[in-house]
Amino acid sequence: MAPKLQTGGEVGYLRIATEEAFAPPELFAEWRRLLDAGLDDPGFRSFFGFILTSDTPRAEFVRERLPDLGERRLADMDATGIDRQTSRSAHRDRILSNPTGPPR
């Protein structure tokens, strides 16, 4: 009988996530500069104006999580069972390995 597949187990597969939500602090600064310069783009002003200035829990969550590629992101990966993550940004490419694997 074949062993049961388990994410991150000795026999099985790895759950790999493609991360599309990452922005380094320099990008936040550029968004702020564009807003302050009066960029004439209603969608950009509405969305990034909200993210950068609102004190709502959602905007604060985005501001805290978006630039993080450290321990918090690894903890989020653990919580959702992700073993590896690829992340691509205009500034750099990253591959994060979750050393502890998913929660068991």
Protein backbone atom coordinates (compact mmCIF):
# COMPACT_ATOMS: atom_id res chain seq x y z
CA MET A 1 0.00 0.00 0.00
CA ALA A 2 1.35 3.43 -0.96
CA PRO A 3 2.04 5.85 1.89
CA LYS A 4 -0.36 8.73 2.34
CA LEU A 5 0.90 11.92 0.68
CA GLN A 6 1.56 14.71 3.12
CA THR A 7 2.67 18.21 2.34
CA GLY A 8 6.27 18.57 3.42
CA GLY A 9 6.42 14.98 4.67
CA GLU A 10 9.14 12.45 3.92
CA VAL A 11 7.04 11.07 1.09
CA GLY A 12 4.78 13.43 -0.76
CA TYR A 13 4.90 16.78 -2.40
CA LEU A 14 5.76 20.34 -1.52
CA ARG A 15 3.13 23.04 -1.67
CA ILE A 16 4.69 25.91 -3.63
CA ALA A 17 3.01 29.32 -3.76
CA THR A 18 3.64 32.06 -6.28
CA GLU A 19 3.58 35.30 -4.34
CA GLU A 20 2.32 38.28 -6.25
CA ALA A 21 1.82 40.58 -3.30
CA PHE A 22 5.16 42.09 -2.39
CA ALA A 23 6.38 45.67 -2.44
CA PRO A 24 9.68 46.89 -1.01
CA PRO A 25 9.69 50.09 1.06
CA GLU A 26 11.16 51.96 -1.93
CA LEU A 27 8.00 51.21 -3.90
CA PHE A 28 5.82 52.54 -1.08
CA ALA A 29 7.91 55.72 -1.18
CA GLU A 30 7.40 56.00 -4.94
CA TRP A 31 3.64 55.55 -4.59
CA ARG A 32 3.64 58.31 -1.96
CA ARG A 33 5.70 60.57 -4.25
CA LEU A 34 3.25 60.04 -7.12
CA LEU A 35 0.29 60.83 -4.87
CA ASP A 36 1.97 63.95 -3.50
CA ALA A 37 2.85 65.07 -7.05
CA GLY A 38 -0.87 64.94 -7.92
CA LEU A 39 -0.81 62.05 -10.40
CA ASP A 40 -3.98 62.32 -12.51
CA ASP A 41 -5.14 58.72 -12.25
CA PRO A 42 -8.36 58.31 -10.22
CA GLY A 43 -7.95 54.56 -9.74
CA PHE A 44 -4.36 54.87 -8.52
CA ARG A 45 -5.25 57.78 -6.22
CA SER A 46 -8.24 55.92 -4.80
CA PHE A 47 -6.50 52.59 -4.16
CA PHE A 48 -3.03 53.71 -3.10
CA GLY A 49 -4.37 56.77 -1.31
CA PHE A 50 -6.46 54.39 0.80
CA ILE A 51 -3.63 51.91 1.39
CA LEU A 52 -1.08 54.59 2.30
CA THR A 53 -3.24 56.86 4.46
CA SER A 54 -6.17 54.96 5.94
CA ASP A 55 -6.12 53.82 9.56
CA THR A 56 -8.54 50.96 8.84
CA PRO A 57 -7.45 47.46 9.86
CA ARG A 58 -7.28 46.33 6.21
CA ALA A 59 -5.01 49.20 5.10
CA GLU A 60 -2.77 48.70 8.13
CA PHE A 61 -2.61 44.96 7.38
CA VAL A 62 -1.51 45.65 3.78
CA ARG A 63 1.12 48.21 4.87
CA GLU A 64 2.56 45.75 7.39
CA ARG A 65 2.49 42.61 5.27
CA LEU A 66 3.30 43.79 1.75
CA PRO A 67 6.98 44.65 2.36
CA ASP A 68 7.66 41.73 4.71
CA LEU A 69 9.80 38.84 3.48
CA GLY A 70 10.91 37.78 6.95
CA GLU A 71 9.62 35.93 9.97
CA ARG A 72 6.01 37.14 9.71
CA ARG A 73 5.72 35.90 6.12
CA LEU A 74 7.27 32.56 7.12
CA ALA A 75 4.73 32.29 9.96
CA ASP A 76 1.92 33.01 7.48
CA MET A 77 3.34 30.29 5.22
CA ASP A 78 3.37 27.84 8.14
CA ALA A 79 -0.22 28.72 8.99
CA THR A 80 -1.39 28.02 5.43
CA GLY A 81 0.73 24.92 4.76
CA ILE A 82 3.07 26.47 2.19
CA ASP A 83 6.50 24.82 1.96
CA ARG A 84 8.14 27.09 -0.64
CA GLN A 85 7.29 30.44 -2.10
CA THR A 86 8.50 32.26 -5.16
CA SER A 87 8.20 36.01 -5.21
CA ARG A 88 8.97 38.38 -8.03
CA SER A 89 9.10 42.14 -7.93
CA ALA A 90 10.46 44.86 -10.14
CA HIS A 91 13.28 45.29 -7.63
CA ARG A 92 14.38 41.73 -6.99
CA ASP A 93 13.49 38.08 -7.28
CA ARG A 94 13.25 36.00 -4.12
CA ILE A 95 12.79 32.37 -3.27
CA LEU A 96 11.78 31.76 0.29
CA SER A 97 12.16 28.36 1.84
CA ASN A 98 10.10 27.60 4.87
CA PRO A 99 12.58 25.76 7.12
CA THR A 100 9.95 24.46 9.51
CA GLY A 101 7.47 23.20 6.89
CA PRO A 102 3.73 23.38 7.35
CA PRO A 103 2.08 22.92 10.74
CA ARG A 104 1.35 19.33 11.59
